[in-house]
């Protein structure tokens, strides 16, 4: 006896799908919501994605050992450690920066 291949057509869908059209409508609505969520996620991801022109090139090779050690001590990445140093400097020099910016 040959095996039946149900990979293309599921005969139970014909039987149960005809009896419950509400479920099909709910499934379609769910599929539409999922597609909308995927579009929103992809649009958010594309907005956050930075291009090469958004980055600055810094020559900090000579400070690599110090940065990795201190970032490890603070339990953060090197990038976040450097950003925290810049934030602290910004707070310390806020008045000077505002004056220079208005010139």
N, C-alpha and C. Protein backbone atom coordinates (compact mmCIF):
# COMPACT_ATOMS: atom_id res chain seq x y z
N UNK A 1 0.82 -1.17 0.00
CA UNK A 1 0.00 0.00 0.00
C UNK A 1 0.88 1.24 0.00
N UNK A 2 0.59 2.19 -0.87
CA UNK A 2 1.39 3.40 -1.02
C UNK A 2 1.04 4.40 0.07
N UNK A 3 2.05 5.16 0.48
CA UNK A 3 1.83 6.20 1.48
C UNK A 3 1.17 7.39 0.82
N UNK A 4 0.31 8.05 1.57
CA UNK A 4 -0.34 9.25 1.06
C UNK A 4 0.49 10.46 1.46
N UNK A 5 0.61 11.39 0.54
CA UNK A 5 1.38 12.61 0.79
C UNK A 5 0.42 13.76 1.07
N UNK A 6 0.38 14.21 2.31
CA UNK A 6 -0.50 15.31 2.71
C UNK A 6 0.26 16.63 2.84
N UNK A 7 1.45 16.70 2.31
CA UNK A 7 2.23 17.92 2.47
C UNK A 7 1.64 19.09 1.68
N UNK A 8 0.98 18.83 0.58
CA UNK A 8 0.40 19.91 -0.21
C UNK A 8 -1.01 20.26 0.23
N UNK A 9 -1.82 19.26 0.43
CA UNK A 9 -3.22 19.48 0.78
C UNK A 9 -3.53 18.71 2.05
N UNK A 10 -4.09 19.41 3.01
CA UNK A 10 -4.48 18.77 4.25
C UNK A 10 -6.00 18.59 4.21
N UNK A 11 -6.49 17.36 4.07
CA UNK A 11 -7.93 17.13 3.94
C UNK A 11 -8.72 17.57 5.17
N UNK A 12 -8.08 17.60 6.33
CA UNK A 12 -8.81 18.02 7.53
C UNK A 12 -9.13 19.51 7.49
N UNK A 13 -8.32 20.31 6.80
CA UNK A 13 -8.60 21.74 6.67
C UNK A 13 -9.90 21.96 5.91
N UNK A 14 -10.13 21.15 4.90
CA UNK A 14 -11.37 21.29 4.14
C UNK A 14 -12.57 21.00 5.04
N UNK A 15 -12.46 19.95 5.84
CA UNK A 15 -13.57 19.55 6.69
C UNK A 15 -13.80 20.54 7.83
N UNK A 16 -12.75 20.83 8.59
CA UNK A 16 -12.90 21.71 9.74
C UNK A 16 -12.95 23.18 9.36
N UNK A 17 -12.26 23.55 8.30
CA UNK A 17 -12.26 24.94 7.87
C UNK A 17 -13.63 25.40 7.41
N UNK A 18 -14.39 24.54 6.76
CA UNK A 18 -15.73 24.89 6.30
C UNK A 18 -16.68 25.05 7.46
N UNK A 19 -16.47 24.31 8.53
CA UNK A 19 -17.38 24.37 9.68
C UNK A 19 -17.11 25.58 10.56
N UNK A 20 -15.88 26.13 10.51
CA UNK A 20 -15.51 27.23 11.40
C UNK A 20 -14.86 28.38 10.62
N UNK A 21 -15.62 29.15 9.87
CA UNK A 21 -15.02 30.26 9.12
C UNK A 21 -14.48 31.36 10.03
N UNK A 22 -14.98 31.44 11.28
CA UNK A 22 -14.48 32.47 12.20
C UNK A 22 -13.01 32.25 12.52
N UNK A 23 -12.61 30.99 12.64
CA UNK A 23 -11.22 30.68 12.93
C UNK A 23 -10.32 31.12 11.79
N UNK A 24 -10.79 30.94 10.56
CA UNK A 24 -10.00 31.37 9.41
C UNK A 24 -9.82 32.88 9.42
N UNK A 25 -10.90 33.60 9.77
CA UNK A 25 -10.82 35.06 9.84
C UNK A 25 -9.85 35.49 10.93
N UNK A 26 -9.89 34.82 12.08
CA UNK A 26 -8.97 35.14 13.16
C UNK A 26 -7.54 34.87 12.74
N UNK A 27 -7.34 33.77 12.02
CA UNK A 27 -6.01 33.43 11.56
C UNK A 27 -5.50 34.49 10.60
N UNK A 28 -6.36 34.96 9.69
CA UNK A 28 -5.97 36.00 8.75
C UNK A 28 -5.63 37.29 9.48
N UNK A 29 -6.43 37.65 10.49
CA UNK A 29 -6.17 38.87 11.26
C UNK A 29 -4.85 38.75 12.01
N UNK A 30 -4.60 37.57 12.57
CA UNK A 30 -3.35 37.34 13.28
C UNK A 30 -2.17 37.46 12.33
N UNK A 31 -2.31 36.89 11.14
CA UNK A 31 -1.24 36.98 10.14
C UNK A 31 -1.00 38.43 9.75
N UNK A 32 -2.06 39.21 9.60
CA UNK A 32 -1.92 40.63 9.26
C UNK A 32 -1.20 41.39 10.37
N UNK A 33 -1.57 41.10 11.62
CA UNK A 33 -0.91 41.77 12.75
C UNK A 33 0.57 41.42 12.80
N UNK A 34 0.89 40.16 12.57
CA UNK A 34 2.29 39.75 12.58
C UNK A 34 3.08 40.46 11.49
N UNK A 35 2.48 40.60 10.31
CA UNK A 35 3.15 41.31 9.23
C UNK A 35 3.36 42.77 9.58
N UNK A 36 2.36 43.40 10.20
CA UNK A 36 2.50 44.80 10.60
C UNK A 36 3.60 44.96 11.65
N UNK A 37 3.67 44.03 12.60
CA UNK A 37 4.70 44.08 13.62
C UNK A 37 6.08 43.93 13.00
N UNK A 38 6.20 43.04 12.02
CA UNK A 38 7.48 42.85 11.36
C UNK A 38 7.90 44.10 10.60
N UNK A 39 6.94 44.76 9.95
CA UNK A 39 7.25 46.00 9.24
C UNK A 39 7.69 47.07 10.22
N UNK A 40 7.01 47.19 11.36
CA UNK A 40 7.38 48.17 12.36
C UNK A 40 8.77 47.89 12.92
N UNK A 41 9.05 46.62 13.21
CA UNK A 41 10.37 46.27 13.74
C UNK A 41 11.46 46.57 12.73
N UNK A 42 11.22 46.27 11.46
CA UNK A 42 12.24 46.52 10.44
C UNK A 42 12.44 48.02 10.24
N UNK A 43 11.36 48.81 10.33
CA UNK A 43 11.51 50.25 10.17
C UNK A 43 12.26 50.85 11.35
N UNK A 44 12.01 50.33 12.56
CA UNK A 44 12.74 50.79 13.73
C UNK A 44 14.20 50.42 13.62
N UNK A 45 14.47 49.20 13.19
CA UNK A 45 15.84 48.75 13.04
C UNK A 45 16.58 49.56 11.99
N UNK A 46 15.89 49.92 10.91
CA UNK A 46 16.55 50.70 9.86
C UNK A 46 16.82 52.12 10.33
N UNK A 47 15.98 52.66 11.21
CA UNK A 47 16.22 54.00 11.74
C UNK A 47 17.42 54.01 12.67
N UNK A 48 17.62 52.96 13.43
CA UNK A 48 18.71 52.90 14.40
C UNK A 48 20.04 52.54 13.75
N UNK A 49 20.00 51.96 12.58
CA UNK A 49 21.22 51.52 11.93
C UNK A 49 22.05 52.72 11.51
N UNK A 50 23.29 52.72 11.91
CA UNK A 50 24.18 53.84 11.59
C UNK A 50 25.02 53.51 10.37
N UNK A 51 25.29 54.52 9.60
CA UNK A 51 26.16 54.35 8.44
C UNK A 51 27.59 54.68 8.85
N UNK A 52 28.52 54.42 7.98
CA UNK A 52 29.92 54.70 8.29
C UNK A 52 30.16 56.18 8.52
N UNK A 53 29.38 57.04 7.88
CA UNK A 53 29.58 58.47 8.06
C UNK A 53 29.12 58.94 9.44
N UNK A 54 28.37 58.13 10.16
CA UNK A 54 27.91 58.49 11.50
C UNK A 54 28.98 58.24 12.57
N UNK A 55 30.04 57.56 12.24
CA UNK A 55 31.07 57.22 13.21
C UNK A 55 32.28 58.14 13.06
N UNK A 56 32.97 58.37 14.18
CA UNK A 56 34.21 59.13 14.17
C UNK A 56 35.37 58.15 14.21
N UNK A 57 36.44 58.50 13.56
CA UNK A 57 37.64 57.67 13.61
C UNK A 57 38.56 58.23 14.68
N UNK A 58 38.89 57.41 15.63
CA UNK A 58 39.78 57.81 16.71
C UNK A 58 40.99 56.90 16.74
N UNK A 59 42.16 57.49 16.90
CA UNK A 59 43.37 56.70 17.02
C UNK A 59 43.66 56.52 18.51
N UNK A 60 43.16 55.45 19.08
CA UNK A 60 43.34 55.19 20.51
C UNK A 60 44.07 53.87 20.74
N UNK A 61 44.83 53.45 19.74
CA UNK A 61 45.52 52.18 19.82
C UNK A 61 46.48 52.14 21.01
N UNK A 62 47.17 53.25 21.27
CA UNK A 62 48.14 53.29 22.36
C UNK A 62 47.49 53.15 23.73
N UNK A 63 46.18 53.38 23.82
CA UNK A 63 45.45 53.31 25.09
C UNK A 63 44.61 52.04 25.22
N UNK A 64 44.81 51.10 24.30
CA UNK A 64 43.98 49.90 24.26
C UNK A 64 44.04 49.11 25.56
N UNK A 65 45.21 48.89 26.09
CA UNK A 65 45.36 48.10 27.32
C UNK A 65 44.65 48.79 28.49
N UNK A 66 44.85 50.09 28.61
CA UNK A 66 44.20 50.84 29.68
C UNK A 66 42.68 50.78 29.55
N UNK A 67 42.18 51.03 28.34
CA UNK A 67 40.74 51.05 28.11
C UNK A 67 40.10 49.69 28.40
N UNK A 68 40.70 48.63 27.92
CA UNK A 68 40.12 47.30 28.15
C UNK A 68 40.16 46.94 29.63
N UNK A 69 41.24 47.32 30.32
CA UNK A 69 41.36 47.03 31.76
C UNK A 69 40.31 47.80 32.55
N UNK A 70 40.19 49.09 32.29
CA UNK A 70 39.24 49.91 33.04
C UNK A 70 37.79 49.55 32.70
N UNK A 71 37.53 49.25 31.44
CA UNK A 71 36.18 48.85 31.05
C UNK A 71 35.82 47.52 31.71
N UNK A 72 36.78 46.62 31.79
CA UNK A 72 36.54 45.35 32.48
C UNK A 72 36.29 45.56 33.96
N UNK A 73 37.03 46.48 34.56
CA UNK A 73 36.84 46.78 35.97
C UNK A 73 35.45 47.35 36.22
N UNK A 74 34.98 48.20 35.31
CA UNK A 74 33.65 48.80 35.44
C UNK A 74 32.55 47.88 34.93
N UNK A 75 32.94 46.73 34.41
CA UNK A 75 32.01 45.73 33.85
C UNK A 75 31.14 46.32 32.75
N UNK A 76 31.80 46.92 31.78
CA UNK A 76 31.12 47.51 30.63
C UNK A 76 32.00 47.34 29.40
N UNK A 77 31.49 47.72 28.25
CA UNK A 77 32.29 47.63 27.03
C UNK A 77 33.21 48.85 26.95
N UNK A 78 34.20 48.76 26.11
CA UNK A 78 35.13 49.87 25.91
C UNK A 78 34.38 51.08 25.37
N UNK A 79 33.47 50.86 24.45
CA UNK A 79 32.70 51.96 23.88
C UNK A 79 31.88 52.67 24.96
N UNK A 80 31.18 51.91 25.77
CA UNK A 80 30.38 52.53 26.83
C UNK A 80 31.27 53.22 27.85
N UNK A 81 32.44 52.67 28.12
CA UNK A 81 33.37 53.32 29.06
C UNK A 81 33.82 54.67 28.51
N UNK A 82 34.18 54.71 27.24
CA UNK A 82 34.61 55.97 26.62
C UNK A 82 33.45 56.96 26.60
N UNK A 83 32.25 56.50 26.30
CA UNK A 83 31.09 57.39 26.30
C UNK A 83 30.83 57.95 27.69
N UNK A 84 31.04 57.15 28.73
CA UNK A 84 30.84 57.65 30.09
C UNK A 84 31.89 58.71 30.44
N UNK A 85 33.11 58.54 29.95
CA UNK A 85 34.14 59.56 30.17
C UNK A 85 33.76 60.87 29.48
N UNK A 86 33.24 60.77 28.28
CA UNK A 86 32.84 61.97 27.54
C UNK A 86 31.66 62.65 28.25
N UNK A 87 30.68 61.85 28.71
CA UNK A 87 29.54 62.43 29.43
C UNK A 87 29.99 63.18 30.69
N UNK A 88 30.93 62.59 31.43
CA UNK A 88 31.45 63.24 32.63
C UNK A 88 32.15 64.55 32.28
N UNK A 89 32.91 64.53 31.19
CA UNK A 89 33.60 65.75 30.75
C UNK A 89 32.60 66.80 30.30
N UNK A 90 31.52 66.37 29.65
CA UNK A 90 30.49 67.31 29.22
C UNK A 90 29.83 67.99 30.41
N UNK A 91 29.57 67.23 31.46
CA UNK A 91 28.96 67.81 32.66
C UNK A 91 29.91 68.80 33.33
N UNK A 92 31.18 68.46 33.34
CA UNK A 92 32.18 69.31 33.99
C UNK A 92 32.38 70.61 33.23
N UNK A 93 32.30 70.56 31.90
CA UNK A 93 32.58 71.73 31.07
C UNK A 93 31.34 72.28 30.38
N UNK A 94 30.20 72.12 30.97
CA UNK A 94 28.93 72.51 30.37
C UNK A 94 28.89 74.01 30.06
N UNK A 95 29.27 74.83 31.02
CA UNK A 95 29.24 76.29 30.81
C UNK A 95 30.18 76.72 29.70
N UNK A 96 31.38 76.18 29.70
CA UNK A 96 32.36 76.53 28.67
C UNK A 96 31.85 76.13 27.29
N UNK A 97 31.26 74.94 27.20
CA UNK A 97 30.74 74.47 25.92
C UNK A 97 29.62 75.38 25.42
N UNK A 98 28.69 75.76 26.30
CA UNK A 98 27.60 76.64 25.90
C UNK A 98 28.12 77.99 25.40
N UNK A 99 29.11 78.54 26.07
CA UNK A 99 29.69 79.81 25.64
C UNK A 99 30.35 79.68 24.28
N UNK A 100 31.10 78.61 24.08
CA UNK A 100 31.79 78.40 22.80
C UNK A 100 30.80 78.13 21.68
N UNK A 101 29.73 77.45 21.98
CA UNK A 101 28.73 77.14 20.98
C UNK A 101 28.00 78.40 20.50
N UNK A 102 27.83 79.37 21.39
CA UNK A 102 27.11 80.60 21.04
C UNK A 102 27.98 81.64 20.35
N UNK A 103 29.27 81.41 20.25
CA UNK A 103 30.17 82.37 19.58
C UNK A 103 29.95 82.35 18.09
